[in-house]
Amino acid sequence: MLTITWQEDITSLKQNLKKEINKISGFSKIIVLDHICINNLKSKLERLEEIEKILSIDKYNIVFIGTIGQGKTTAICHLFNLISNFNVSKTIAAKSRNVTETKELLSTGAGKTTICEVIIKAAEKTYIEIEPYTVDEMKNIIFEFCDSIANKDNPQTDQNIIISKEVERAIRNVMFCF
């Protein structure tokens, strides 16, 4: 089976557009419709070159921002096809029946799945990589947390340090481990 890549398709389309532009431009007498056609073909050629540049980018960084429970994880699952069919047992009309449901592979609905940085990479198998903070980053976060607690009720401080609820919860959970 012969497969053609998008690069070959774009190259072929660009060549065809250039041939047509040259063909029409080569007429001894160019009328207004020919001029309009040439400009339209040149515009299509420019757009095709823009598309080629966009498609040639191998890796994108995408950020989903929103409060807890707003659908960031659900969007990620559906955008990157992180869904699968599962056989489940359901009670329908007082009878238990096996049905197939399509569900997201990441936990959704309750929120707090993508509180941390989630990196999805192309691979033979789907996986999630969670990049932990470095030791220095953790020290800075803990110092900021301590400063925010120490200065919580102090109106004299010039800077109010704001720690996210998720990071604050994580630090408190770590403290209980010791």
Protein backbone atom coordinates (compact mmCIF):
# COMPACT_ATOMS: atom_id res chain seq x y z
CA MET A 1 0.00 0.00 0.00
CA LEU A 2 1.38 3.36 -1.04
CA THR A 3 1.22 6.11 1.56
CA ILE A 4 1.73 9.76 0.73
CA THR A 5 2.86 12.12 3.45
CA TRP A 6 1.44 15.59 3.95
CA GLN A 7 4.82 16.98 2.84
CA GLU A 8 4.46 15.27 -0.55
CA ASP A 9 0.87 16.51 -0.86
CA ILE A 10 1.87 20.10 -0.14
CA THR A 11 4.83 19.94 -2.53
CA SER A 12 2.57 18.61 -5.27
CA LEU A 13 -0.07 21.28 -4.64
CA LYS A 14 2.55 24.04 -4.64
CA GLN A 15 3.98 22.80 -7.94
CA ASN A 16 0.52 22.67 -9.51
CA LEU A 17 -0.28 26.19 -8.33
CA LYS A 18 3.03 27.54 -9.68
CA LYS A 19 2.46 25.82 -13.05
CA GLU A 20 -1.02 27.33 -13.32
CA ILE A 21 0.25 30.80 -12.33
CA ASN A 22 3.03 30.55 -14.96
CA LYS A 23 0.58 29.25 -17.56
CA ILE A 24 -1.86 32.14 -17.09
CA SER A 25 0.96 34.69 -16.77
CA GLY A 26 2.37 33.48 -20.09
CA PHE A 27 -0.65 34.57 -22.09
CA SER A 28 0.20 37.28 -24.60
CA LYS A 29 -2.79 39.33 -23.49
CA ILE A 30 -3.80 39.24 -19.82
CA ILE A 31 -7.35 40.36 -19.17
CA VAL A 32 -8.83 41.43 -15.85
CA LEU A 33 -10.18 37.92 -15.09
CA ASP A 34 -6.70 36.44 -15.69
CA HIS A 35 -5.19 39.01 -13.31
CA ILE A 36 -7.80 38.14 -10.64
CA CYS A 37 -7.14 34.43 -11.15
CA ILE A 38 -3.36 34.91 -10.82
CA ASN A 39 -3.77 36.91 -7.59
CA ASN A 40 -6.15 34.29 -6.21
CA LEU A 41 -3.72 31.46 -7.03
CA LYS A 42 -0.82 33.41 -5.47
CA SER A 43 -2.92 33.90 -2.34
CA LYS A 44 -3.61 30.15 -2.20
CA LEU A 45 0.12 29.46 -2.65
CA GLU A 46 0.99 31.81 0.24
CA ARG A 47 -1.62 30.17 2.47
CA LEU A 48 -0.30 26.72 1.56
CA GLU A 49 3.22 27.85 2.53
CA GLU A 50 1.89 29.10 5.89
CA ILE A 51 0.18 25.75 6.47
CA GLU A 52 3.42 23.95 5.58
CA LYS A 53 5.31 25.99 8.20
CA ILE A 54 2.69 25.24 10.85
CA LEU A 55 2.63 21.51 10.07
CA SER A 56 6.41 21.29 10.14
CA ILE A 57 6.44 22.18 13.85
CA ASP A 58 6.99 18.84 15.55
CA LYS A 59 6.08 19.76 19.12
CA TYR A 60 3.60 22.19 20.64
CA ASN A 61 3.25 23.32 24.22
CA ILE A 62 -0.41 23.63 25.11
CA VAL A 63 -1.62 25.07 28.37
CA PHE A 64 -5.11 24.57 29.81
CA ILE A 65 -6.00 27.16 32.44
CA GLY A 66 -9.12 27.12 34.57
CA THR A 67 -10.43 26.60 38.04
CA ILE A 68 -11.08 23.15 39.49
CA GLY A 69 -13.90 21.26 37.82
CA GLN A 70 -14.12 23.36 34.64
CA GLY A 71 -13.29 20.54 32.19
CA LYS A 72 -9.56 20.90 31.53
CA THR A 73 -8.88 17.17 31.93
CA THR A 74 -11.97 16.25 29.91
CA ALA A 75 -10.81 18.57 27.11
CA ILE A 76 -7.32 17.03 27.21
CA CYS A 77 -8.75 13.50 27.03
CA HIS A 78 -10.97 14.25 24.05
CA LEU A 79 -8.43 16.43 22.23
CA PHE A 80 -5.70 13.78 22.45
CA ASN A 81 -8.01 10.77 22.07
CA LEU A 82 -7.35 9.58 25.61
CA ILE A 83 -10.67 7.76 25.68
CA SER A 84 -11.57 4.10 25.45
CA ASN A 85 -14.56 1.77 25.54
CA PHE A 86 -15.21 -0.09 28.78
CA ASN A 87 -17.67 -2.89 29.50
CA VAL A 88 -19.75 -2.03 32.55
CA SER A 89 -22.77 -3.56 34.21
CA LYS A 90 -25.83 -1.32 34.49
CA THR A 91 -29.28 -1.85 35.89
CA ILE A 92 -31.82 -1.02 33.20
CA ALA A 93 -35.53 -1.65 33.86
CA ALA A 94 -34.66 -3.63 37.01
CA LYS A 95 -32.36 -5.94 35.05
CA SER A 96 -28.58 -6.00 35.14
CA ARG A 97 -27.12 -5.62 31.66
CA ASN A 98 -23.60 -5.39 30.30
CA VAL A 99 -23.12 -2.26 28.21
CA THR A 100 -20.16 -0.54 26.60
CA GLU A 101 -19.39 3.01 27.73
CA THR A 102 -16.83 5.41 26.34
CA LYS A 103 -14.83 6.94 29.18
CA GLU A 104 -11.85 9.22 29.58
CA LEU A 105 -8.57 7.52 30.51
CA LEU A 106 -7.71 10.29 32.98
CA SER A 107 -9.92 10.69 36.03
CA THR A 108 -12.55 13.35 35.29
CA GLY A 109 -15.62 14.75 36.98
CA ALA A 110 -14.33 15.24 40.52
CA GLY A 111 -11.68 17.77 39.54
CA LYS A 112 -8.07 18.02 40.72
CA THR A 113 -6.60 15.58 38.15
CA THR A 114 -4.51 18.20 36.35
CA ILE A 115 -3.51 20.32 39.34
CA CYS A 116 0.12 19.52 38.60
CA GLU A 117 1.86 19.81 35.26
CA VAL A 118 0.75 16.99 32.95
CA ILE A 119 2.88 16.20 29.92
CA ILE A 120 1.46 14.07 27.14
CA LYS A 121 4.01 12.79 24.63
CA ALA A 122 3.65 10.69 21.52
CA ALA A 123 4.78 7.13 22.12
CA GLU A 124 3.82 3.56 21.33
CA LYS A 125 1.86 3.53 24.58
CA THR A 126 0.09 6.46 26.19
CA TYR A 127 1.60 7.60 29.45
CA ILE A 128 1.59 10.61 31.71
CA GLU A 129 4.81 12.11 32.96
CA ILE A 130 4.66 14.21 36.08
CA GLU A 131 7.69 16.42 36.50
CA PRO A 132 8.41 17.01 40.18
CA TYR A 133 9.70 20.30 41.52
CA THR A 134 13.45 20.53 42.01
CA VAL A 135 14.79 20.70 45.57
CA ASP A 136 15.44 24.44 45.18
CA GLU A 137 11.92 25.05 43.85
CA MET A 138 10.46 23.13 46.79
CA LYS A 139 12.56 25.12 49.28
CA ASN A 140 11.35 28.39 47.74
CA ILE A 141 7.72 27.26 47.83
CA ILE A 142 8.03 26.16 51.48
CA PHE A 143 9.70 29.46 52.43
CA GLU A 144 6.91 31.38 50.66
CA PHE A 145 4.35 29.24 52.46
CA CYS A 146 5.98 29.95 55.84
CA ASP A 147 6.14 33.68 55.05
CA SER A 148 2.48 33.70 54.04
CA ILE A 149 1.51 32.02 57.34
CA ALA A 150 3.75 34.33 59.40
CA ASN A 151 2.43 37.48 57.72
CA LYS A 152 -1.17 36.33 57.33
CA ASP A 153 -2.61 38.77 59.88
CA ASN A 154 0.06 41.45 59.59
CA PRO A 155 -1.30 44.51 57.74
CA GLN A 156 2.17 46.10 57.86
CA THR A 157 3.64 43.81 55.18
CA ASP A 158 4.20 45.40 51.80
CA GLN A 159 3.80 42.19 49.87
CA ASN A 160 1.10 39.63 50.41
CA ILE A 161 2.38 36.27 49.26
CA ILE A 162 -0.33 34.26 47.57
CA ILE A 163 0.01 30.48 47.58
CA SER A 164 -2.46 28.44 45.55
CA LYS A 165 -4.83 26.25 47.55
CA GLU A 166 -3.46 23.14 45.85
CA VAL A 167 0.17 23.95 46.71
CA GLU A 168 -0.80 24.90 50.26
CA ARG A 169 -2.66 21.59 50.67
CA ALA A 170 0.31 19.67 49.28
CA ILE A 171 2.74 21.38 51.68
CA ARG A 172 0.45 20.74 54.64
CA ASN A 173 0.15 17.07 53.61
CA VAL A 174 3.96 16.78 53.36
CA MET A 175 4.34 18.33 56.84
CA PHE A 176 2.07 15.66 58.36
CA CYS A 177 4.33 12.95 56.93
CA PHE A 178 7.19 14.02 59.19
